[in-house]
């Protein structure tokens, strides 16, 4: 056999071997490998955006992706992650429904050499969480409370005002950071009597909203209004998430707020979802906190890239996020307050939304 033909045959055989996964170089033929992404639900627009952003950025970098949504069903998410582990991904990116329920499946992932990144929600009770990509969740609560503080003129000594407090889902670790951040601002005013919680419902054990369900928030607001506000006016409602805010506002409008002599209270929110931006422009919801999920997706992709290169991913917090077993190194992004004054530059001019989606 001539040398040229021999080389061609060997090269051809090598290509076949690569295609069959028979060579260590197969990883190159298959791209950078598989990243599995577990998201909690499609019922919130922000999680849809998170998933699509991550798929886009991972695939641009040469990764294959397996994106699944669990529709806020804990056993479903567990089953999905167990199935993902059997596919042999390089990394699992998980936004947990209940961050305390994943220890066993994450041990299986660790035994298979799979790295785990907790995405926006801290996974608790497991040593097998390598990194955490999120926003400064304590600061989210601070921003919400500061908006109430400014809108009511509390720093100028105005008051007293009536306020009611809502918290997020008690199985979501972030909900406690949101609440504690807000209370770091509001509690001094409550203690001094400038803010009055007529229901006396304070603390996450009293104000939490399971699964971040807007209907649950609406029903609780109905109860608060009928029990404590038949002859009084609510001046502010601390709401940690837009989906709750919409339910709260429906309850308020149902008893006449926003019309005649009963102005809408200050109502906060989070995630800058389209219905809430529209509500802000209608002067119902007052503000929201924007978290640019495009940036969070980029941070997560960069973490994976670093891990795959055998490097330490960039983090900016190594003290805050103790999951009960270990302090998980984290990268925190900054949230931004959005209201009727700045929604266009923050959300439209940045390319996050088109103006036609809002108006």
Protein backbone atom coordinates (compact mmCIF):
# COMPACT_ATOMS: atom_id res chain seq x y z
CA UNK A 1 0.00 0.00 0.00
CA UNK A 2 1.36 3.40 -0.91
CA UNK A 3 2.17 5.73 1.99
CA UNK A 4 -0.42 8.34 0.87
CA UNK A 5 -3.21 5.76 0.71
CA UNK A 6 -2.14 4.31 4.05
CA UNK A 7 -2.42 7.72 5.70
CA UNK A 8 -5.86 8.22 4.19
CA UNK A 9 -7.06 4.87 5.51
CA UNK A 10 -5.69 5.56 8.99
CA UNK A 11 -7.23 9.02 9.02
CA UNK A 12 -10.55 7.58 7.89
CA UNK A 13 -10.43 4.94 10.58
CA UNK A 14 -9.62 7.61 13.12
CA UNK A 15 -12.69 9.56 12.11
CA UNK A 16 -14.85 6.47 12.49
CA UNK A 17 -13.36 5.81 15.90
CA UNK A 18 -14.06 9.38 16.92
CA UNK A 19 -17.65 9.19 15.76
CA UNK A 20 -18.17 6.01 17.75
CA UNK A 21 -16.71 7.47 20.91
CA UNK A 22 -13.75 5.10 20.79
CA UNK A 23 -11.10 7.75 21.41
CA UNK A 24 -10.22 10.13 24.23
CA UNK A 25 -10.52 12.84 21.62
CA UNK A 26 -14.26 12.13 21.31
CA UNK A 27 -14.99 15.06 23.59
CA UNK A 28 -13.71 17.38 20.90
CA UNK A 29 -15.98 15.78 18.32
CA UNK A 30 -18.93 16.14 20.65
CA UNK A 31 -18.23 19.74 21.62
CA UNK A 32 -17.54 20.67 25.23
CA UNK A 33 -20.02 18.21 26.68
CA UNK A 34 -23.48 18.25 28.21
CA UNK A 35 -24.80 20.72 30.79
CA UNK A 36 -28.08 19.77 32.45
CA UNK A 37 -30.33 22.63 33.59
CA UNK A 38 -33.18 22.08 36.07
CA UNK A 39 -35.62 24.99 36.40
CA UNK A 40 -38.54 25.13 38.87
CA UNK A 41 -41.51 26.26 36.77
CA UNK A 42 -42.75 27.87 33.58
CA UNK A 43 -45.49 29.70 35.49
CA UNK A 44 -43.12 32.63 36.05
CA UNK A 45 -41.82 34.54 33.02
CA UNK A 46 -38.46 35.04 34.66
CA UNK A 47 -37.71 31.29 34.85
CA UNK A 48 -38.56 30.92 31.17
CA UNK A 49 -36.10 33.73 30.45
CA UNK A 50 -33.45 32.14 32.70
CA UNK A 51 -33.72 28.82 30.90
CA UNK A 52 -33.64 30.24 27.38
CA UNK A 53 -30.76 32.59 28.20
CA UNK A 54 -28.65 29.78 29.61
CA UNK A 55 -29.34 27.49 26.65
CA UNK A 56 -28.36 30.30 24.28
CA UNK A 57 -25.09 31.16 26.03
CA UNK A 58 -24.07 27.55 26.71
CA UNK A 59 -24.67 26.53 23.09
CA UNK A 60 -22.76 29.59 21.84
CA UNK A 61 -19.81 28.28 23.89
CA UNK A 62 -20.05 24.80 22.39
CA UNK A 63 -21.98 22.95 25.11
CA UNK A 64 -25.00 20.74 24.61
CA UNK A 65 -27.86 21.41 27.02
CA UNK A 66 -30.69 19.48 28.62
CA UNK A 67 -33.21 22.00 29.98
CA UNK A 68 -36.19 20.75 31.99
CA UNK A 69 -38.91 22.46 34.02
CA UNK A 70 -40.51 20.74 37.02
CA UNK A 71 -43.68 22.89 37.27
CA UNK A 72 -43.20 23.46 41.01
CA UNK A 73 -43.55 19.74 41.73
CA UNK A 74 -40.78 18.54 44.07
CA UNK A 75 -40.97 14.81 43.19
CA UNK A 76 -41.00 15.77 39.51
CA UNK A 77 -37.82 17.84 39.89
CA UNK A 78 -36.13 14.99 41.79
CA UNK A 79 -37.05 12.52 39.05
CA UNK A 80 -35.84 14.90 36.35
CA UNK A 81 -32.48 15.43 38.06
CA UNK A 82 -32.04 11.69 38.65
CA UNK A 83 -32.64 11.15 34.93
CA UNK A 84 -30.19 13.94 34.10
CA UNK A 85 -27.46 12.29 36.21
CA UNK A 86 -27.78 9.07 34.17
CA UNK A 87 -27.02 11.06 30.99
CA UNK A 88 -23.55 11.95 32.32
CA UNK A 89 -23.51 15.75 32.12
CA UNK A 90 -20.36 17.64 33.01
CA UNK A 91 -22.32 20.04 35.23
CA UNK A 92 -25.79 20.27 36.77
CA UNK A 93 -27.27 23.78 37.05
CA UNK A 94 -30.21 23.68 39.46
CA UNK A 95 -32.77 26.28 40.51
CA UNK A 96 -34.39 24.22 43.25
CA UNK A 97 -38.08 24.20 44.13
CA UNK A 98 -37.19 23.08 47.66
CA UNK A 99 -33.48 23.38 48.30
CA UNK A 100 -33.58 20.90 51.18
CA UNK A 101 -34.76 17.87 49.19
CA UNK A 102 -31.86 17.17 46.84
CA UNK A 103 -29.14 15.69 49.07
CA UNK A 104 -29.44 12.08 47.86
CA UNK A 105 -29.53 12.83 44.15
CA UNK A 106 -26.65 15.29 44.51
CA UNK A 107 -24.60 12.56 46.20
CA UNK A 108 -25.23 10.41 43.12
CA UNK A 109 -24.09 13.31 40.95
CA UNK A 110 -20.91 13.75 43.02
CA UNK A 111 -20.19 10.00 42.85
CA UNK A 112 -20.36 10.34 39.06
CA UNK A 113 -17.99 13.32 39.05
CA UNK A 114 -20.68 15.82 38.11
CA UNK A 115 -20.25 19.38 39.39
CA UNK A 116 -23.27 21.24 40.76
CA UNK A 117 -24.05 24.95 40.52
CA UNK A 118 -27.00 26.26 42.52
CA UNK A 119 -28.76 28.83 40.36
CA UNK A 120 -30.38 31.79 42.13
CA UNK A 121 -31.78 29.54 44.90
CA UNK A 122 -29.38 28.06 47.41
CA UNK A 123 -29.47 24.28 47.74
CA UNK A 124 -29.43 23.46 51.43
CA UNK A 125 -28.23 20.49 53.45
CA UNK A 126 -25.77 19.08 50.90
CA UNK A 127 -21.98 19.13 50.76
CA UNK A 128 -22.22 18.49 47.01
CA UNK A 129 -22.96 22.05 45.94
CA UNK A 130 -19.87 23.47 44.32
CA UNK A 131 -20.87 27.05 43.51
CA UNK A 132 -23.79 29.45 43.73
CA UNK A 133 -24.74 32.03 41.09
CA UNK A 134 -27.27 34.57 42.28
CA UNK A 135 -28.15 38.17 42.95
CA UNK A 136 -27.54 40.00 46.21
CA UNK A 137 -30.82 38.80 47.70
CA UNK A 138 -30.49 40.68 50.99
CA UNK A 139 -30.06 43.86 48.91
CA UNK A 140 -33.27 43.03 47.00
CA UNK A 141 -35.18 43.32 50.27
CA UNK A 142 -33.30 46.48 51.20
CA UNK A 143 -34.25 48.10 47.88
CA UNK A 144 -37.93 47.19 48.32
CA UNK A 145 -38.02 48.62 51.83
CA UNK A 146 -36.09 51.74 50.86
CA UNK A 147 -38.69 52.43 48.17
CA UNK A 148 -41.41 52.33 50.83
CA UNK A 149 -39.27 54.49 53.12
CA UNK A 150 -38.83 57.14 50.42
CA UNK A 151 -42.38 57.05 49.07
CA UNK A 152 -43.89 57.57 52.53
CA UNK A 153 -41.33 60.16 53.64
CA UNK A 154 -40.33 58.14 56.70
CA UNK A 155 -36.84 59.65 56.84
CA UNK A 156 -38.47 63.05 57.10
CA UNK A 157 -40.43 61.92 60.14
CA UNK A 158 -43.80 61.46 58.42
CA UNK A 159 -46.27 58.92 59.76
CA UNK A 160 -47.71 56.87 61.24
CA UNK A 161 -48.62 54.71 58.23
CA UNK A 162 -50.25 51.30 58.04
CA UNK A 163 -48.23 48.55 56.38
CA UNK A 164 -48.70 44.83 55.77
CA UNK A 165 -45.88 42.43 55.04
CA UNK A 166 -45.69 39.52 52.60
CA UNK A 167 -42.90 36.98 52.34
CA UNK A 168 -41.93 34.45 49.72
CA UNK A 169 -42.09 30.68 49.84
CA UNK A 170 -40.73 29.20 53.09
CA UNK A 171 -38.97 26.40 51.19
CA UNK A 172 -36.98 28.95 49.14
CA UNK A 173 -33.88 30.13 50.99
CA UNK A 174 -33.94 33.42 49.06
CA UNK A 175 -37.28 34.35 50.64
CA UNK A 176 -35.58 34.76 54.02
CA UNK A 177 -32.88 37.02 52.56
CA UNK A 178 -35.54 39.19 50.88
CA UNK A 179 -37.52 39.46 54.11
CA UNK A 180 -34.52 40.07 56.36
CA UNK A 181 -33.14 42.70 53.97
CA UNK A 182 -36.46 44.54 54.00
CA UNK A 183 -36.81 44.32 57.76
CA UNK A 184 -33.32 45.76 58.26
CA UNK A 185 -34.85 49.00 56.91
CA UNK A 186 -38.46 48.73 58.12
CA UNK A 187 -38.12 47.38 61.64
CA UNK A 188 -36.83 50.61 63.21
CA UNK A 189 -39.92 52.42 61.88
CA UNK A 190 -42.19 49.65 63.16
CA UNK A 191 -40.50 49.79 66.57
CA UNK A 192 -40.91 53.58 66.72
CA UNK A 193 -44.57 53.46 65.65
CA UNK A 194 -44.07 55.29 62.36
CA UNK A 195 -45.12 52.09 60.61
CA UNK A 196 -48.02 50.12 62.06
CA UNK A 197 -48.70 46.48 61.15
CA UNK A 198 -52.35 46.36 62.18
CA UNK A 199 -52.56 42.59 61.74
CA UNK A 200 -49.47 42.17 63.96
CA UNK A 201 -48.33 39.53 61.46
CA UNK A 202 -44.55 39.72 61.34
CA UNK A 203 -41.91 37.07 60.72
CA UNK A 204 -41.63 34.55 57.91
CA UNK A 205 -43.62 32.01 59.91
CA UNK A 206 -46.61 34.37 59.63
CA UNK A 207 -46.16 36.18 56.30
CA UNK A 208 -44.69 33.55 53.93
CA UNK A 209 -46.50 32.54 50.73
CA UNK A 210 -46.05 28.90 49.73
CA UNK A 211 -44.72 28.39 46.18
CA UNK A 212 -44.84 32.14 45.57
CA UNK A 213 -48.51 31.67 44.64
CA UNK A 214 -50.29 34.91 43.69
CA UNK A 215 -53.70 33.40 44.47
CA UNK A 216 -52.53 32.58 48.01
CA UNK A 217 -51.31 36.16 48.43
CA UNK A 218 -54.60 37.52 47.13
CA UNK A 219 -56.60 35.39 49.56
CA UNK A 220 -54.42 36.49 52.47
CA UNK A 221 -54.80 40.16 51.48
CA UNK A 222 -58.58 39.65 51.31
CA UNK A 223 -58.50 38.35 54.88
CA UNK A 224 -56.28 41.18 56.12
CA UNK A 225 -58.52 43.83 54.59
CA UNK A 226 -61.74 42.39 56.01
CA UNK A 227 -60.27 41.76 59.47
CA UNK A 228 -58.19 44.90 60.05
CA UNK A 229 -58.98 47.59 57.48
CA UNK A 230 -62.73 48.07 57.30
CA UNK A 231 -62.24 51.50 58.90
CA UNK A 232 -58.55 52.04 58.15
CA UNK A 233 -56.40 52.54 55.06
CA UNK A 234 -53.42 50.41 54.00
CA UNK A 235 -50.59 52.77 53.08
CA UNK A 236 -47.95 50.24 51.99
CA UNK A 237 -47.60 46.55 51.23
CA UNK A 238 -44.20 44.89 51.21
CA UNK A 239 -44.39 42.31 48.42
CA UNK A 240 -41.22 40.39 47.52
CA UNK A 241 -42.30 39.25 44.03
CA UNK A 242 -44.37 40.60 41.14
CA UNK A 243 -46.59 37.52 40.97
CA UNK A 244 -47.67 38.17 44.56
CA UNK A 245 -48.04 41.89 43.89
CA UNK A 246 -50.57 41.30 41.12
CA UNK A 247 -52.68 39.14 43.48
CA UNK A 248 -52.40 41.71 46.27
CA UNK A 249 -53.45 44.52 43.92
CA UNK A 250 -56.47 42.50 42.73
CA UNK A 251 -57.55 42.19 46.35
CA UNK A 252 -57.07 45.91 46.99
CA UNK A 253 -58.99 46.91 43.86
CA UNK A 254 -61.78 44.55 44.89
CA UNK A 255 -62.58 46.74 47.90
CA UNK A 256 -62.19 50.07 46.12
CA UNK A 257 -58.50 50.97 46.34
CA UNK A 258 -57.29 52.94 43.36
CA UNK A 259 -60.57 54.75 42.87
CA UNK A 260 -62.28 57.80 44.39
CA UNK A 261 -60.93 58.75 47.80
CA UNK A 262 -58.98 55.52 48.35
CA UNK A 263 -55.56 55.75 46.70
CA UNK A 264 -53.50 52.64 46.06
CA UNK A 265 -50.90 51.91 48.70
CA UNK A 266 -47.22 51.65 47.87
CA UNK A 267 -46.81 48.09 46.56
CA UNK A 268 -43.34 46.69 45.86
CA UNK A 269 -42.32 43.70 43.76
CA UNK A 270 -39.47 41.83 42.11
CA UNK A 271 -38.47 40.43 38.71
CA UNK A 272 -39.84 43.21 36.47
CA UNK A 273 -42.40 40.90 34.86
CA UNK A 274 -44.43 42.42 32.02
CA UNK A 275 -47.80 42.43 33.86
CA UNK A 276 -46.20 44.32 36.73
CA UNK A 277 -44.50 46.88 34.49
CA UNK A 278 -47.90 47.49 32.88
CA UNK A 279 -49.39 47.77 36.38
CA UNK A 280 -46.73 50.32 37.34
CA UNK A 281 -47.59 52.41 34.28
CA UNK A 282 -51.26 52.26 35.33
CA UNK A 283 -50.22 53.60 38.76
CA UNK A 284 -51.25 50.43 40.59
CA UNK A 285 -48.05 48.60 41.55
CA UNK A 286 -45.47 51.17 42.56
CA UNK A 287 -42.09 49.55 41.96
CA UNK A 288 -40.27 46.33 41.23
CA UNK A 289 -36.70 45.07 41.54
CA UNK A 290 -35.06 44.10 38.26
CA UNK A 291 -32.59 41.23 38.14
CA UNK A 292 -31.03 40.90 34.70
CA UNK A 293 -31.19 37.16 34.11
CA UNK A 294 -29.02 37.55 31.01
CA UNK A 295 -26.13 38.51 33.26
CA UNK A 296 -26.85 35.67 35.69
CA UNK A 297 -26.81 33.22 32.78
CA UNK A 298 -23.46 34.60 31.62
CA UNK A 299 -21.98 34.26 35.11
CA UNK A 300 -23.17 30.65 35.25
CA UNK A 301 -21.67 29.83 31.85
CA UNK A 302 -18.38 31.39 32.90
CA UNK A 303 -18.39 29.27 36.07
CA UNK A 304 -18.85 26.12 33.98
CA UNK A 305 -16.13 27.18 31.53
CA UNK A 306 -13.71 27.66 34.42
CA UNK A 307 -14.58 24.30 35.96
CA UNK A 308 -14.09 22.53 32.64
CA UNK A 309 -10.68 24.18 32.27
CA UNK A 310 -9.66 23.01 35.74
CA UNK A 311 -9.71 26.56 37.07
CA UNK A 312 -11.41 28.21 40.03
CA UNK A 313 -14.56 30.07 38.93
CA UNK A 314 -14.72 33.75 39.81
CA UNK A 315 -16.67 34.44 43.01
CA UNK A 316 -17.23 37.58 45.09
CA UNK A 317 -18.74 36.12 48.27
CA UNK A 318 -17.28 33.32 50.38
CA UNK A 319 -19.02 34.06 53.69
CA UNK A 320 -22.77 34.64 53.30
CA UNK A 321 -24.33 31.47 51.92
CA UNK A 322 -24.07 28.74 54.53
CA UNK A 323 -26.30 25.87 53.41
CA UNK A 324 -26.16 24.10 56.77
CA UNK A 325 -23.28 21.84 55.73
CA UNK A 326 -20.84 24.21 54.05
CA UNK A 327 -20.44 27.81 53.00
CA UNK A 328 -21.04 27.77 49.25
CA UNK A 329 -18.79 30.17 47.28
CA UNK A 330 -21.01 32.54 45.35
CA UNK A 331 -21.06 35.20 42.69
CA UNK A 332 -23.58 37.94 43.49
CA UNK A 333 -24.99 40.37 40.93
CA UNK A 334 -26.55 43.72 41.78
CA UNK A 335 -30.35 44.21 41.59
CA UNK A 336 -31.89 47.50 40.41
CA UNK A 337 -35.10 49.28 41.47
CA UNK A 338 -37.49 50.00 38.59
CA UNK A 339 -40.51 52.31 38.65
CA UNK A 340 -42.45 54.59 36.31
CA UNK A 341 -39.50 57.00 36.10
CA UNK A 342 -36.79 54.64 34.84
CA UNK A 343 -38.44 51.56 33.31
CA UNK A 344 -37.62 52.52 29.75
CA UNK A 345 -33.84 53.01 30.07
CA UNK A 346 -33.42 50.01 32.38
CA UNK A 347 -35.66 47.51 30.59
CA UNK A 348 -36.12 48.67 26.99
CA UNK A 349 -32.90 50.50 26.11
CA UNK A 350 -30.92 47.62 27.61
CA UNK A 351 -32.67 45.25 25.20
CA UNK A 352 -34.32 43.17 27.92
CA UNK A 353 -37.80 43.97 26.61
CA UNK A 354 -39.20 45.60 23.49
CA UNK A 355 -41.37 48.61 24.20
CA UNK A 356 -44.20 46.91 22.29
CA UNK A 357 -44.26 44.20 24.99
CA UNK A 358 -45.08 46.83 27.61
CA UNK A 359 -47.33 49.33 25.86
